[in-house]
C-alpha atoms as a PDB file:
ATOM      1  CA  MET A   1      63.858  71.092 123.441  1.00  0.00           C
ATOM      2  CA  LYS A   2      60.273  72.185 122.310  1.00  0.00           C
ATOM      3  CA  LYS A   3      58.578  70.329 119.563  1.00  0.00           C
ATOM      4  CA  TYR A   4      56.163  73.289 118.218  1.00  0.00           C
ATOM      5  CA  THR A   5      57.022  76.653 117.437  1.00  0.00           C
ATOM      6  CA  ILE A   6      54.879  79.611 118.182  1.00  0.00           C
ATOM      7  CA  GLN A   7      54.946  82.784 115.611  1.00  0.00           C
ATOM      8  CA  LYS A   8      54.499  85.928 117.498  1.00  0.00           C
ATOM      9  CA  ALA A   9      56.427  88.197 114.832  1.00  0.00           C
ATOM     10  CA  PRO A  10      55.520  87.177 111.505  1.00  0.00           C
ATOM     11  CA  PHE A  11      57.896  88.559 108.841  1.00  0.00           C
ATOM     12  CA  VAL A  12      55.857  91.499 106.822  1.00  0.00           C
ATOM     13  CA  VAL A  13      56.996  91.499 103.200  1.00  0.00           C
ATOM     14  CA  PRO A  14      57.434  94.758 101.796  1.00  0.00           C
ATOM     15  CA  THR A  15      55.093  95.627  98.971  1.00  0.00           C
ATOM     16  CA  THR A  16      54.591  98.276  96.695  1.00  0.00           C
ATOM     17  CA  ASP A  17      50.824  97.706  95.721  1.00  0.00           C
ATOM     18  CA  GLY A  18      49.096  98.294  99.179  1.00  0.00           C
ATOM     19  CA  LYS A  19      49.163  94.439  99.940  1.00  0.00           C
ATOM     20  CA  LEU A  20      49.490  93.285 103.299  1.00  0.00           C
ATOM     21  CA  ILE A  21      51.596  89.873 103.597  1.00  0.00           C
ATOM     22  CA  GLU A  22      52.576  88.763 106.937  1.00  0.00           C
ATOM     23  CA  GLU A  23      54.575  85.274 106.333  1.00  0.00           C
ATOM     24  CA  HIS A  24      54.220  83.240 109.662  1.00  0.00           C
ATOM     25  CA  PHE A  25      56.408  80.426 108.542  1.00  0.00           C
ATOM     26  CA  GLY A  26      58.091  80.081 105.223  1.00  0.00           C
ATOM     27  CA  ASN A  27      61.558  81.332 103.288  1.00  0.00           C
ATOM     28  CA  ALA A  28      61.095  84.826 104.510  1.00  0.00           C
ATOM     29  CA  THR A  29      60.530  84.220 107.898  1.00  0.00           C
ATOM     30  CA  ASN A  30      62.458  81.088 109.360  1.00  0.00           C
ATOM     31  CA  GLN A  31      64.149  80.053 105.960  1.00  0.00           C
ATOM     32  CA  GLN A  32      61.640  76.988 105.923  1.00  0.00           C
ATOM     33  CA  SER A  33      61.413  76.083 102.236  1.00  0.00           C
ATOM     34  CA  GLY A  34      58.660  73.289 102.240  1.00  0.00           C
ATOM     35  CA  ILE A  35      55.510  75.111 103.239  1.00  0.00           C
ATOM     36  CA  SER A  36      54.859  78.924 103.643  1.00  0.00           C
ATOM     37  CA  ILE A  37      52.025  80.433 105.627  1.00  0.00           C
ATOM     38  CA  ALA A  38      50.690  84.108 105.298  1.00  0.00           C
ATOM     39  CA  HIS A  39      47.944  86.185 106.296  1.00  0.00           C
ATOM     40  CA  MET A  40      47.318  88.663 103.539  1.00  0.00           C
ATOM     41  CA  ILE A  41      45.043  91.806 103.066  1.00  0.00           C
ATOM     42  CA  ALA A  42      44.321  92.918  99.512  1.00  0.00           C
ATOM     43  CA  PRO A  43      43.062  96.252  99.172  1.00  0.00           C
ATOM     44  CA  PRO A  44      40.256  97.063  96.951  1.00  0.00           C
ATOM     45  CA  LYS A  45      41.061  97.365  93.064  1.00  0.00           C
ATOM     46  CA  TRP A  46      44.387  95.216  93.779  1.00  0.00           C
ATOM     47  CA  LYS A  47      45.699  92.677  91.412  1.00  0.00           C
ATOM     48  CA  GLU A  48      48.870  90.841  90.588  1.00  0.00           C
ATOM     49  CA  PRO A  49      50.309  89.861  87.170  1.00  0.00           C
ATOM     50  CA  PHE A  50      49.687  86.581  85.859  1.00  0.00           C
ATOM     51  CA  GLN A  51      51.880  83.802  87.009  1.00  0.00           C
ATOM     52  CA  THR A  52      52.613  79.939  86.870  1.00  0.00           C
ATOM     53  CA  PRO A  53      54.033  79.013  90.090  1.00  0.00           C
ATOM     54  CA  GLN A  54      55.791  75.887  90.654  1.00  0.00           C
ATOM     55  CA  PHE A  55      54.283  75.218  93.918  1.00  0.00           C
ATOM     56  CA  GLU A  56      50.427  74.387  95.326  1.00  0.00           C
ATOM     57  CA  GLU A  57      48.488  77.377  96.764  1.00  0.00           C
ATOM     58  CA  TYR A  58      45.723  77.032  99.137  1.00  0.00           C
ATOM     59  CA  THR A  59      43.703  80.037  99.983  1.00  0.00           C
ATOM     60  CA  TYR A  60      40.899  80.466 102.378  1.00  0.00           C
ATOM     61  CA  ILE A  61      38.965  83.721 102.251  1.00  0.00           C
ATOM     62  CA  ILE A  62      38.408  85.335 105.810  1.00  0.00           C
ATOM     63  CA  ARG A  63      36.504  87.968 104.551  1.00  0.00           C
ATOM     64  CA  GLY A  64      35.828  89.976 101.462  1.00  0.00           C
ATOM     65  CA  LYS A  65      36.116  88.547  98.039  1.00  0.00           C
ATOM     66  CA  LYS A  66      38.971  87.479  95.886  1.00  0.00           C
ATOM     67  CA  GLN A  67      39.099  87.067  92.202  1.00  0.00           C
ATOM     68  CA  PHE A  68      41.015  84.056  90.545  1.00  0.00           C
ATOM     69  CA  ILE A  69      41.504  83.826  86.947  1.00  0.00           C
ATOM     70  CA  ILE A  70      42.765  79.939  86.349  1.00  0.00           C
ATOM     71  CA  GLU A  71      43.982  79.092  82.984  1.00  0.00           C
ATOM     72  CA  ASP A  72      41.020  80.915  81.360  1.00  0.00           C
ATOM     73  CA  GLU A  73      38.384  80.538  83.950  1.00  0.00           C
ATOM     74  CA  LEU A  74      37.052  83.011  86.243  1.00  0.00           C
ATOM     75  CA  ILE A  75      36.276  82.169  89.927  1.00  0.00           C
ATOM     76  CA  VAL A  76      35.093  84.270  92.458  1.00  0.00           C
ATOM     77  CA  LEU A  77      35.556  83.041  96.150  1.00  0.00           C
ATOM     78  CA  GLU A  78      33.683  84.613  99.367  1.00  0.00           C
ATOM     79  CA  ALA A  79      34.428  84.703 103.215  1.00  0.00           C
ATOM     80  CA  GLY A  80      34.318  81.053 104.399  1.00  0.00           C
ATOM     81  CA  GLN A  81      35.453  79.222 100.877  1.00  0.00           C
ATOM     82  CA  SER A  82      38.884  78.057  99.866  1.00  0.00           C
ATOM     83  CA  ILE A  83      40.709  76.951  96.860  1.00  0.00           C
ATOM     84  CA  LYS A  84      43.718  74.608  96.072  1.00  0.00           C
ATOM     85  CA  ILE A  85      45.492  75.510  92.576  1.00  0.00           C
ATOM     86  CA  GLU A  86      48.099  72.842  91.409  1.00  0.00           C
ATOM     87  CA  LYS A  87      51.411  73.707  90.580  1.00  0.00           C
ATOM     88  CA  ASN A  88      52.450  74.745  87.195  1.00  0.00           C
ATOM     89  CA  THR A  89      48.825  76.364  86.827  1.00  0.00           C
ATOM     90  CA  ARG A  90      48.790  79.667  84.951  1.00  0.00           C
ATOM     91  CA  VAL A  91      46.846  82.088  87.396  1.00  0.00           C
ATOM     92  CA  GLN A  92      45.996  85.708  88.504  1.00  0.00           C
ATOM     93  CA  TYR A  93      45.032  86.723  91.662  1.00  0.00           C
ATOM     94  CA  SER A  94      42.945  90.120  92.243  1.00  0.00           C
ATOM     95  CA  ASN A  95      40.445  91.913  94.436  1.00  0.00           C
ATOM     96  CA  PRO A  96      38.578  93.937  91.984  1.00  0.00           C
ATOM     97  CA  PHE A  97      36.117  94.811  94.519  1.00  0.00           C
ATOM     98  CA  ASP A  98      35.302  97.873  96.495  1.00  0.00           C
ATOM     99  CA  GLU A  99      36.044  96.158  99.984  1.00  0.00           C
ATOM    100  CA  GLU A 100      39.429  94.621 101.287  1.00  0.00           C
ATOM    101  CA  CYS A 101      39.837  90.919 100.937  1.00  0.00           C
ATOM    102  CA  GLU A 102      41.576  89.037 104.047  1.00  0.00           C
ATOM    103  CA  TYR A 103      42.816  85.502 103.663  1.00  0.00           C
ATOM    104  CA  ILE A 104      45.408  82.961 104.350  1.00  0.00           C
ATOM    105  CA  ALA A 105      47.635  81.691 101.991  1.00  0.00           C
ATOM    106  CA  VAL A 106      49.657  78.364 102.134  1.00  0.00           C
ATOM    107  CA  CYS A 107      52.267  77.438  99.432  1.00  0.00           C
ATOM    108  CA  THR A 108      53.878  74.030  99.371  1.00  0.00           C
ATOM    109  CA  PRO A 109      56.606  74.122  98.779  1.00  0.00           C
ATOM    110  CA  ALA A 110      57.275  77.590 100.157  1.00  0.00           C
ATOM    111  CA  PHE A 111      56.763  80.648  98.250  1.00  0.00           C
ATOM    112  CA  SER A 112      59.468  81.848  96.448  1.00  0.00           C
ATOM    113  CA  MET A 113      60.140  84.484  93.693  1.00  0.00           C
ATOM    114  CA  ASP A 114      62.140  82.257  92.052  1.00  0.00           C
ATOM    115  CA  LEU A 115      59.109  79.615  91.860  1.00  0.00           C
ATOM    116  CA  VAL A 116      56.459  81.989  91.375  1.00  0.00           C
ATOM    117  CA  ASN A 117      57.133  82.798  87.336  1.00  0.00           C
ATOM    118  CA  ARG A 118      55.221  86.347  87.184  1.00  0.00           C
ATOM    119  CA  GLU A 119      54.751  87.342  83.510  1.00  0.00           C
END
């Protein structure tokens, strides 16, 4: 038995806001609830509602910029930067810029609509 898994066909999460979400590991792809790893591309002018997730979220920016409002603080990350946001923290993710933003998101435990608590 192999002690590794190669993901060649990530689950593409259906969205209505133009954002590409390719989950490589997690609840949607392989029913793994401990961690999720997703490749994302947020289009220009995209934003999500505020949320208070019950999971930690790590974000690494590959290209472009991504805006975060964490509690009441505005933060903008650029390519090559990363952030860890603690669980139970109110946050809004957005790309108010003119270029798309490509990034990797890692959630522990795995992302779940039951745990995201969107407003």
